[in-house]
Protein backbone atom coordinates (compact mmCIF):
# COMPACT_ATOMS: atom_id res chain seq x y z
CA UNK A 1 182.38 132.83 62.71
CA UNK A 2 179.30 130.86 63.60
CA UNK A 3 180.05 130.66 67.34
CA UNK A 4 180.16 134.43 67.63
CA UNK A 5 176.64 134.92 66.30
CA UNK A 6 174.09 136.03 68.83
CA UNK A 7 171.32 133.50 69.42
CA UNK A 8 167.78 134.79 68.98
CA UNK A 9 165.92 135.35 72.20
CA UNK A 10 162.79 133.32 72.89
CA UNK A 11 161.29 136.33 74.65
CA UNK A 12 161.34 138.84 71.87
CA UNK A 13 159.14 141.87 71.63
CA UNK A 14 159.65 142.16 67.91
CA UNK A 15 156.47 142.40 65.88
CA UNK A 16 158.19 140.42 63.13
CA UNK A 17 158.57 137.33 65.32
CA UNK A 18 155.26 135.84 64.15
CA UNK A 19 152.56 137.33 62.02
CA UNK A 20 149.30 135.47 61.58
CA UNK A 21 148.43 134.79 57.95
CA UNK A 22 145.53 136.80 56.56
CA UNK A 23 143.26 133.77 56.31
CA UNK A 24 143.82 132.94 59.98
CA UNK A 25 143.06 136.51 61.05
CA UNK A 26 139.90 136.50 58.94
CA UNK A 27 138.67 133.14 60.23
CA UNK A 28 139.43 133.83 63.89
CA UNK A 29 136.72 136.51 63.79
CA UNK A 30 134.20 133.74 63.14
CA UNK A 31 135.40 131.10 65.62
CA UNK A 32 138.06 130.68 68.32
CA UNK A 33 141.34 129.31 66.98
CA UNK A 34 141.21 126.27 69.28
CA UNK A 35 137.74 125.23 68.05
CA UNK A 36 136.79 122.45 65.68
CA UNK A 37 134.84 124.95 63.56
CA UNK A 38 137.99 127.03 63.02
CA UNK A 39 140.03 123.98 62.01
CA UNK A 40 137.38 122.86 59.53
CA UNK A 41 137.04 126.35 58.04
CA UNK A 42 140.82 126.74 57.69
CA UNK A 43 141.24 123.37 55.97
CA UNK A 44 138.37 124.11 53.60
CA UNK A 45 139.74 127.54 52.72
CA UNK A 46 143.23 126.17 51.97
CA UNK A 47 142.00 123.00 50.23
CA UNK A 48 142.07 124.33 46.62
CA UNK A 49 145.76 125.24 46.93
CA UNK A 50 146.80 121.79 48.20
CA UNK A 51 148.38 119.07 46.09
CA UNK A 52 146.50 115.77 45.78
CA UNK A 53 148.37 113.99 48.60
CA UNK A 54 147.74 116.87 50.98
CA UNK A 55 144.08 116.95 49.92
CA UNK A 56 143.76 113.28 50.84
CA UNK A 57 145.18 114.02 54.29
CA UNK A 58 142.85 117.01 54.61
CA UNK A 59 139.85 114.83 53.66
CA UNK A 60 140.75 112.37 56.42
CA UNK A 61 141.26 115.16 58.93
CA UNK A 62 137.97 116.84 57.98
CA UNK A 63 136.13 113.54 58.36
CA UNK A 64 137.66 112.99 61.79
CA UNK A 65 136.83 116.54 62.90
CA UNK A 66 133.23 116.34 61.68
CA UNK A 67 132.47 112.89 63.10
CA UNK A 68 134.69 112.89 66.16
CA UNK A 69 136.06 109.60 64.88
CA UNK A 70 139.56 108.41 64.24
CA UNK A 71 141.77 109.96 61.57
CA UNK A 72 141.39 108.08 58.29
CA UNK A 73 138.99 105.43 59.54
CA UNK A 74 136.66 104.51 56.69
CA UNK A 75 138.28 107.03 54.39
CA UNK A 76 140.23 105.38 51.61
CA UNK A 77 140.21 107.51 48.50
CA UNK A 78 142.99 105.49 46.85
CA UNK A 79 141.12 102.27 46.40
């Protein structure tokens, strides 16, 4: 029964809890994960695999990261 199932611990030592994707591990050698450069590189590397709607969002995010401006300001690909 569902109420007898053990809840997963938040403090697990299991190596399967979270594994960084290969692209993240590769890119973190070039720049710290919390940096703008890392975010830009990750978006660019994943861009070809995105659908068109996600690419539009990525374009807006990339513009904001590069310019330090607001998300989507001046970026209207749809018209």
